[in-house]
Protein backbone atom coordinates (compact mmCIF):
# COMPACT_ATOMS: atom_id res chain seq x y z
CA MET A 1 -3.34 -22.75 28.35
CA LEU A 2 -0.79 -21.26 30.72
CA GLU A 3 0.36 -17.64 30.35
CA GLY A 4 3.53 -16.30 31.89
CA SER A 5 6.54 -14.09 31.40
CA PHE A 6 10.29 -14.54 31.51
CA THR A 7 12.90 -11.96 32.51
CA GLU A 8 16.53 -12.91 32.89
CA LYS A 9 18.37 -12.55 36.19
CA PRO A 10 22.01 -11.36 36.35
CA SER A 11 22.86 -14.64 38.10
CA ASP A 12 21.55 -16.78 35.21
CA ASP A 13 24.23 -18.98 33.64
CA HIS A 14 23.56 -17.66 30.15
CA CYS A 15 24.40 -14.06 31.15
CA ARG A 16 27.99 -15.06 31.94
CA LEU A 17 28.21 -17.32 28.89
CA ARG A 18 26.79 -14.61 26.61
CA GLU A 19 29.31 -12.07 27.83
CA GLY A 20 32.12 -14.50 27.06
CA LEU A 21 30.91 -15.62 23.63
CA LEU A 22 30.07 -12.13 22.36
CA SER A 23 33.11 -10.38 23.76
CA ALA A 24 35.28 -8.37 21.37
CA ASP A 25 38.17 -10.64 22.42
CA THR A 26 36.43 -13.89 21.46
CA VAL A 27 38.19 -15.98 18.81
CA LEU A 28 36.16 -18.75 17.16
CA ASP A 29 36.92 -21.19 14.38
CA GLU A 30 36.06 -19.69 11.01
CA PRO A 31 33.62 -21.55 8.73
CA GLU A 32 35.42 -23.13 5.79
CA VAL A 33 35.35 -21.28 2.48
CA GLY A 34 33.57 -23.53 -0.03
CA LEU A 35 34.56 -21.66 -3.18
CA ALA A 36 36.85 -18.85 -4.33
CA ALA A 37 35.35 -17.10 -7.33
CA GLU A 38 35.81 -14.15 -9.66
CA THR A 39 32.99 -11.62 -9.58
CA ALA A 40 33.27 -11.28 -13.35
CA ASP A 41 32.35 -14.97 -13.68
CA PHE A 42 29.03 -14.58 -11.83
CA PRO A 43 26.88 -16.61 -11.74
CA GLY A 44 29.32 -19.36 -12.84
CA GLN A 45 29.79 -22.00 -10.15
CA ILE A 46 28.50 -19.84 -7.30
CA PRO A 47 24.85 -21.09 -7.20
CA ASP A 48 25.98 -24.73 -7.38
CA ALA A 49 28.45 -24.19 -4.53
CA LEU A 50 25.79 -22.49 -2.42
CA ASP A 51 23.25 -25.29 -2.98
CA ARG A 52 25.84 -27.97 -2.18
CA ASP A 53 27.07 -26.42 1.05
CA LEU A 54 23.64 -25.29 2.26
CA LEU A 55 22.36 -28.84 1.92
CA ARG A 56 25.43 -30.34 3.57
CA HIS A 57 26.25 -27.77 6.26
CA GLY A 58 23.33 -25.34 6.53
CA ARG A 59 25.65 -22.48 5.58
CA ALA A 60 27.75 -21.59 2.56
CA VAL A 61 30.85 -19.40 2.26
CA VAL A 62 32.18 -17.93 -0.98
CA GLN A 63 35.23 -15.68 -1.25
CA LEU A 64 34.81 -13.29 -4.19
CA ASN A 65 37.65 -11.15 -5.46
CA GLU A 66 35.25 -8.16 -5.33
CA PRO A 67 31.72 -7.68 -3.94
CA LEU A 68 28.87 -8.22 -6.37
CA ALA A 69 27.08 -5.16 -7.73
CA ASP A 70 23.58 -4.72 -6.29
CA ASP A 71 21.80 -6.09 -9.37
CA ALA A 72 23.96 -9.23 -9.32
CA PHE A 73 23.51 -9.55 -5.54
CA VAL A 74 19.72 -9.38 -5.92
CA LYS A 75 19.90 -11.88 -8.78
CA LEU A 76 21.85 -14.26 -6.56
CA GLY A 77 19.08 -13.95 -3.98
CA SER A 78 16.49 -14.85 -6.62
CA VAL A 79 18.33 -18.12 -7.21
CA LEU A 80 17.80 -19.02 -3.55
CA GLY A 81 14.18 -17.87 -3.33
CA THR A 82 12.23 -14.63 -2.98
CA ALA A 83 13.83 -11.60 -1.33
CA ILE A 84 11.86 -10.07 1.55
CA HIS A 85 11.32 -6.32 1.35
CA GLU A 86 12.81 -4.20 4.14
CA THR A 87 9.89 -2.10 5.37
CA ALA A 88 10.79 -1.18 8.96
CA PRO A 89 10.80 2.64 9.27
CA ALA A 90 14.04 2.62 11.29
CA VAL A 91 16.04 1.02 8.45
CA ARG A 92 14.65 2.79 5.38
CA SER A 93 17.69 5.03 4.97
CA TYR A 94 19.87 1.90 4.78
CA VAL A 95 17.83 0.14 2.06
CA GLU A 96 18.49 -0.07 -1.68
CA ASP A 97 16.25 -1.66 -4.30
CA GLY A 98 13.72 -2.37 -1.58
CA VAL A 99 15.44 -5.59 -0.46
CA VAL A 100 19.17 -4.85 0.03
CA LEU A 101 19.95 -3.71 3.56
CA ASN A 102 23.26 -1.88 4.05
CA LEU A 103 24.57 -2.92 7.44
CA ARG A 104 26.90 -0.06 8.27
CA ALA A 105 28.32 -0.05 11.79
CA ASP A 106 27.60 3.65 12.30
CA ALA A 107 25.11 3.69 15.20
CA GLY A 108 27.68 3.43 18.01
CA ILE A 109 26.50 1.81 21.25
CA THR A 110 22.70 1.63 21.51
CA ARG A 111 19.92 -0.25 23.32
CA ASP A 112 17.47 0.61 20.52
CA VAL A 113 16.58 -2.85 19.16
CA SER A 114 15.76 -1.45 15.70
CA LEU A 115 19.29 0.01 15.41
CA GLN A 116 21.29 -2.88 16.89
CA PRO A 117 22.17 -4.34 13.46
CA PHE A 118 24.06 -1.06 12.84
CA ALA A 119 25.59 -0.80 16.32
CA SER A 120 28.97 -1.61 17.82
CA ASN A 121 27.62 -3.46 20.85
CA PRO A 122 27.06 -7.23 20.68
CA LEU A 123 23.99 -8.61 18.91
CA SER A 124 22.44 -11.41 20.96
CA LEU A 125 21.88 -14.83 19.40
CA HIS A 126 18.61 -15.26 17.55
CA SER A 127 16.79 -16.83 14.65
CA GLU A 128 15.68 -14.20 12.15
CA GLY A 129 11.99 -13.26 12.26
CA SER A 130 11.21 -15.32 15.37
CA GLY A 131 8.19 -13.11 16.05
CA ARG A 132 6.59 -13.87 12.67
CA SER A 133 4.68 -16.78 11.19
CA VAL A 134 6.71 -19.56 9.56
CA ALA A 135 5.58 -18.33 6.13
CA ASP A 136 6.94 -14.85 6.90
CA GLN A 137 10.26 -15.97 8.36
CA PRO A 138 13.28 -15.93 6.04
CA ARG A 139 14.77 -19.28 5.10
CA TYR A 140 18.16 -17.80 4.24
CA ILE A 141 20.18 -14.80 5.34
CA VAL A 142 22.68 -13.65 2.69
CA LEU A 143 25.54 -11.42 3.89
CA MET A 144 28.27 -9.92 1.70
CA CYS A 145 31.18 -7.79 2.85
CA VAL A 146 31.80 -4.52 1.01
CA GLU A 147 34.17 -3.08 3.62
CA PRO A 148 35.46 -4.99 6.68
CA GLY A 149 36.38 -1.69 8.36
CA ASP A 150 38.10 -1.26 11.69
CA ASN A 151 35.09 -2.50 13.68
CA SER A 152 36.57 -6.01 14.23
CA ALA A 153 33.17 -7.55 15.07
CA SER A 154 32.56 -11.09 13.83
CA THR A 155 29.28 -12.82 12.98
CA VAL A 156 28.68 -15.77 15.31
CA LEU A 157 26.94 -18.92 14.05
CA VAL A 158 25.61 -21.55 16.48
CA PRO A 159 24.11 -24.78 15.06
CA MET A 160 20.56 -25.43 16.25
CA ALA A 161 21.22 -29.18 16.12
CA ASP A 162 23.95 -28.84 18.75
CA VAL A 163 21.64 -26.83 21.00
CA ALA A 164 18.78 -29.33 20.64
CA ALA A 165 21.08 -32.26 21.41
CA THR A 166 21.96 -30.81 24.82
CA LEU A 167 18.38 -30.14 25.97
CA SER A 168 16.39 -32.76 27.85
CA ASP A 169 13.34 -34.42 26.35
CA ASP A 170 11.16 -32.66 28.93
CA ASP A 171 12.59 -29.24 28.09
CA LEU A 172 12.02 -29.87 24.39
CA ARG A 173 8.46 -31.02 25.12
CA LEU A 174 7.70 -27.78 26.95
CA LEU A 175 9.34 -25.59 24.32
CA ARG A 176 7.41 -27.35 21.53
CA ALA A 177 4.25 -26.15 23.28
CA THR A 178 5.44 -22.61 24.13
CA ARG A 179 5.30 -19.54 21.89
CA TYR A 180 5.49 -15.77 22.14
CA ALA A 181 2.26 -14.36 23.59
CA ASP A 182 2.38 -10.99 21.83
CA ALA A 183 2.79 -12.27 18.27
CA PRO A 184 -0.31 -14.10 16.95
CA GLY A 185 0.39 -16.79 14.39
CA VAL A 186 3.99 -17.41 15.43
CA PRO A 187 5.21 -21.02 15.67
CA PRO A 188 6.28 -22.59 18.95
CA ILE A 189 9.82 -21.96 20.11
CA VAL A 190 10.77 -25.47 18.97
CA ARG A 191 9.34 -27.30 15.96
CA SER A 192 10.35 -30.07 13.58
CA GLN A 193 11.03 -29.38 9.92
CA GLY A 194 12.06 -32.44 7.96
CA ASP A 195 14.94 -34.05 9.81
CA HIS A 196 15.84 -30.85 11.68
CA THR A 197 14.85 -29.39 15.02
CA VAL A 198 14.14 -25.71 14.35
CA PHE A 199 14.06 -22.90 16.89
CA SER A 200 12.06 -19.67 16.51
CA PHE A 201 13.64 -17.74 19.33
CA ARG A 202 15.79 -14.78 20.21
CA ASP A 203 17.61 -13.80 23.37
CA PHE A 204 15.66 -10.78 24.60
CA GLN A 205 18.39 -9.96 27.13
CA GLN A 206 16.96 -7.63 29.81
CA ASP A 207 13.57 -7.27 28.10
CA THR A 208 10.65 -9.39 29.25
CA LEU A 209 9.33 -12.21 27.07
CA ARG A 210 5.63 -12.89 27.51
CA TRP A 211 4.78 -16.48 26.59
CA VAL A 212 1.91 -18.94 26.43
CA CYS A 213 2.31 -22.69 26.89
CA GLU A 214 -0.17 -25.41 25.97
CA ALA A 215 1.71 -28.38 27.47
CA ASP A 216 -0.17 -30.55 29.97
CA GLY A 217 0.93 -29.87 33.53
CA ALA A 218 3.10 -26.88 32.59
CA THR A 219 4.01 -24.44 35.35
CA GLN A 220 5.63 -21.00 35.33
CA ASP A 221 8.78 -22.37 36.99
CA ALA A 222 9.04 -25.28 34.53
CA VAL A 223 8.75 -23.08 31.41
CA ASP A 224 11.11 -20.44 32.80
CA GLY A 225 13.59 -23.18 33.66
CA ALA A 226 13.43 -24.57 30.12
CA LEU A 227 14.01 -21.07 28.70
CA ARG A 228 17.01 -20.52 30.97
CA ARG A 229 18.53 -23.84 29.95
CA LEU A 230 17.88 -23.09 26.28
CA LEU A 231 19.70 -19.76 26.58
CA ALA A 232 22.62 -21.38 28.40
CA ARG A 233 22.95 -24.09 25.73
CA MET A 234 22.87 -21.43 22.98
CA TYR A 235 25.84 -19.62 24.51
CA GLU A 236 27.93 -22.65 25.47
CA ALA A 237 29.50 -22.36 22.00
CA ARG A 238 29.33 -26.05 21.08
CA GLY A 239 30.02 -26.07 17.37
CA ALA A 240 30.02 -22.27 17.19
CA SER A 241 31.97 -20.52 14.46
CA GLY A 242 32.84 -16.89 13.81
CA VAL A 243 32.91 -15.12 10.45
CA LEU A 244 35.82 -12.68 10.27
CA TRP A 245 34.83 -10.42 7.42
CA SER A 246 37.04 -9.58 4.45
CA ARG A 247 36.12 -7.66 1.31
CA GLY A 248 34.12 -9.84 -1.08
CA LEU A 249 33.33 -12.57 1.47
CA LEU A 250 29.78 -13.85 0.94
CA VAL A 251 28.01 -16.03 3.52
CA VAL A 252 24.57 -17.64 3.29
CA ILE A 253 22.99 -18.87 6.53
CA ASP A 254 20.08 -21.31 6.73
CA ASN A 255 17.80 -19.67 9.29
CA THR A 256 16.27 -23.05 10.18
CA ARG A 257 19.64 -24.54 11.12
CA PHE A 258 21.63 -21.75 12.79
CA PHE A 259 21.24 -19.10 15.41
CA HIS A 260 23.33 -16.06 14.59
CA GLY A 261 24.59 -13.00 16.43
CA ARG A 262 27.57 -10.64 16.55
CA THR A 263 30.49 -10.03 18.86
CA ALA A 264 31.21 -6.56 20.19
CA GLY A 265 33.13 -4.23 17.91
CA LEU A 266 35.08 -1.03 18.36
CA PRO A 267 33.24 2.25 18.99
CA ARG A 268 31.95 4.25 16.05
CA ALA A 269 34.90 6.68 15.96
CA THR A 270 37.14 4.59 13.69
CA ALA A 271 38.87 5.36 10.42
CA ARG A 272 36.79 2.87 8.43
CA THR A 273 33.20 1.73 9.02
CA ARG A 274 32.29 -1.91 8.48
CA HIS A 275 29.76 -2.34 5.68
CA LEU A 276 27.90 -5.55 4.91
CA LYS A 277 24.98 -6.00 2.50
CA ARG A 278 22.12 -8.27 3.53
CA LEU A 279 19.30 -10.07 1.80
CA ARG A 280 16.60 -12.02 3.59
CA ILE A 281 15.27 -14.83 1.40
CA ARG A 282 11.91 -16.56 1.81
């Protein structure tokens, strides 16, 4: 087993591509709304529309006339699976009912990883829970807009299938045998799940990723090269879409089929603060 570490260099292709994709000025195609629905009619057709579009596209978009109340939002999550409790100390003040995370863009610009979901700076592309076992990773991320605010940031979705299709067989072979070194029980960076190629990976940006690789003949340079090419393919924006939030918009993301991130927004000192509600569903 080979052990090594990866730290990005400013000259890496993905650094330039990341800056472009996650810029506040970036405009991406919006994912198609699958259903317009009245909140008063919940659950109505909403669960059927979610199931249909998640199976077909790996993401589902519903435009509600008003956001769901928390009890209805949690009930919707129970239709999809089991909600994961939010236990991280840094987010406790943002949590309701143990599972609903209020994503308010009120943390300004920060390098604190635990606060980046609430920040105005870009959020790098990732799969949710990449440092956890498969059983502990969410299958779905449910986001609902309560207040779009003046932040202007959009949620970026990048299909894993498009990323996998642009990597060489040798890179995929190495990444199927490589995992995070500091997180026992985590899956390899690339795995197969049914007909899909699934990534458990996040862009650590300037932080160092310690890894272990069990591929025959693997070298530090080969694994680092595969990681650099993976990051570049993630940010090339093939098939990427951007969710521009409006009040009542509800989006469900299949965490085994999409990377997600966020473009830069305006600084904290704005008249209205963006507010999304999030459920993570196992």
